Protein backbone atom coordinates (compact mmCIF):
# COMPACT_ATOMS: atom_id res chain seq x y z
CA MET A 1 131.51 271.14 173.34
CA ARG A 2 129.09 268.42 172.79
CA ASP A 3 127.18 268.15 169.91
CA ASN A 4 123.02 268.26 170.13
CA ASN A 5 122.68 264.53 168.33
CA ARG A 6 122.83 263.05 171.53
CA GLY A 7 125.10 259.91 170.40
CA SER A 8 128.21 258.92 171.85
CA SER A 9 129.18 262.24 172.87
CA GLU A 10 126.60 262.80 175.36
CA SER A 11 127.82 261.02 178.82
CA LYS A 12 125.94 258.97 181.19
CA SER A 13 125.53 262.04 183.43
CA GLU A 14 123.72 264.57 180.76
CA ARG A 15 121.60 261.17 179.30
CA PHE A 16 120.29 260.67 182.83
CA ASN A 17 119.51 264.45 183.56
CA ARG A 18 117.75 264.69 180.16
CA VAL A 19 116.07 261.34 180.28
CA ALA A 20 115.16 261.56 184.36
CA GLU A 21 114.16 265.08 184.54
CA LYS A 22 111.20 263.84 181.15
CA ARG A 23 109.81 260.92 183.63
CA VAL A 24 109.80 262.90 186.79
CA GLU A 25 107.88 265.41 184.83
CA ASN A 26 105.72 262.31 183.62
CA VAL A 27 105.14 261.55 186.75
CA LEU A 28 104.40 264.45 188.23
CA LYS A 29 101.60 265.06 185.72
CA SER A 30 99.89 262.11 186.90
CA LEU A 31 99.55 262.89 190.20
CA ARG A 32 98.14 265.59 189.12
CA SER A 33 95.88 264.16 186.99
CA LEU A 34 94.81 261.61 189.85
CA SER A 35 93.92 264.77 192.75
CA GLN A 36 91.77 265.83 189.96
CA CYS A 37 90.02 263.06 190.48
CA SER A 38 89.35 264.34 194.55
CA ASN A 39 86.61 266.62 192.94
CA LYS A 40 83.22 265.26 194.86
CA ARG A 41 81.43 267.10 192.62
CA MET A 42 82.64 264.70 189.84
CA TYR A 43 83.48 261.52 192.17
CA GLU A 44 82.78 259.22 194.30
CA TRP A 45 84.80 257.46 196.73
CA ASN A 46 85.33 255.29 199.62
CA ASP A 47 88.27 254.73 202.04
CA GLU A 48 89.20 250.91 200.79
CA GLN A 49 89.60 252.50 197.32
CA LEU A 50 92.16 255.63 198.26
CA ASN A 51 94.44 252.96 200.65
CA LYS A 52 94.52 250.95 197.45
CA ILE A 53 95.85 253.60 195.69
CA TRP A 54 97.90 255.38 198.49
CA ASP A 55 99.44 251.84 199.04
CA ALA A 56 99.90 250.42 194.81
CA ILE A 57 101.73 254.39 194.87
CA ASN A 58 103.85 254.28 198.21
CA SER A 59 104.77 250.58 197.15
CA GLU A 60 106.02 251.43 193.95
CA LEU A 61 107.84 254.38 194.83
CA GLN A 62 110.10 252.52 197.40
CA SER A 63 110.81 249.70 195.01
CA CYS A 64 111.90 252.56 193.14
CA LYS A 65 113.82 254.14 196.00
CA GLU A 66 115.12 250.71 196.58
CA SER A 67 116.64 250.19 192.94
CA TYR A 68 118.97 253.56 193.77
CA THR A 69 120.65 251.42 196.58
CA GLN A 70 121.89 248.75 194.95
CA THR A 71 125.69 250.18 193.15
CA GLN A 72 125.88 247.76 190.46
CA PRO A 73 123.25 245.00 188.98
CA ASP A 74 123.93 241.37 190.10
CA GLU A 75 126.55 239.75 187.77
CA PHE A 76 126.86 236.11 187.33
CA LYS A 77 130.22 234.89 188.61
CA PHE A 78 131.63 231.23 189.33
């Protein structure tokens, strides 16, 4: 049984689950917050602004997805 101090007893898989869960929740909270800007009683926007937002989010999401396809980081070798 592993103790709760999260020291060396925490496996890489357990650490991933703990950290990724929090980070995904933060992303989802941020997106929910952004969606509140869609309230036309409070805000005004145009298509150009929306396109910049979606392009930035899509680009960063694609970059994040691609980072998971690399199985090993690049290493220097002679």
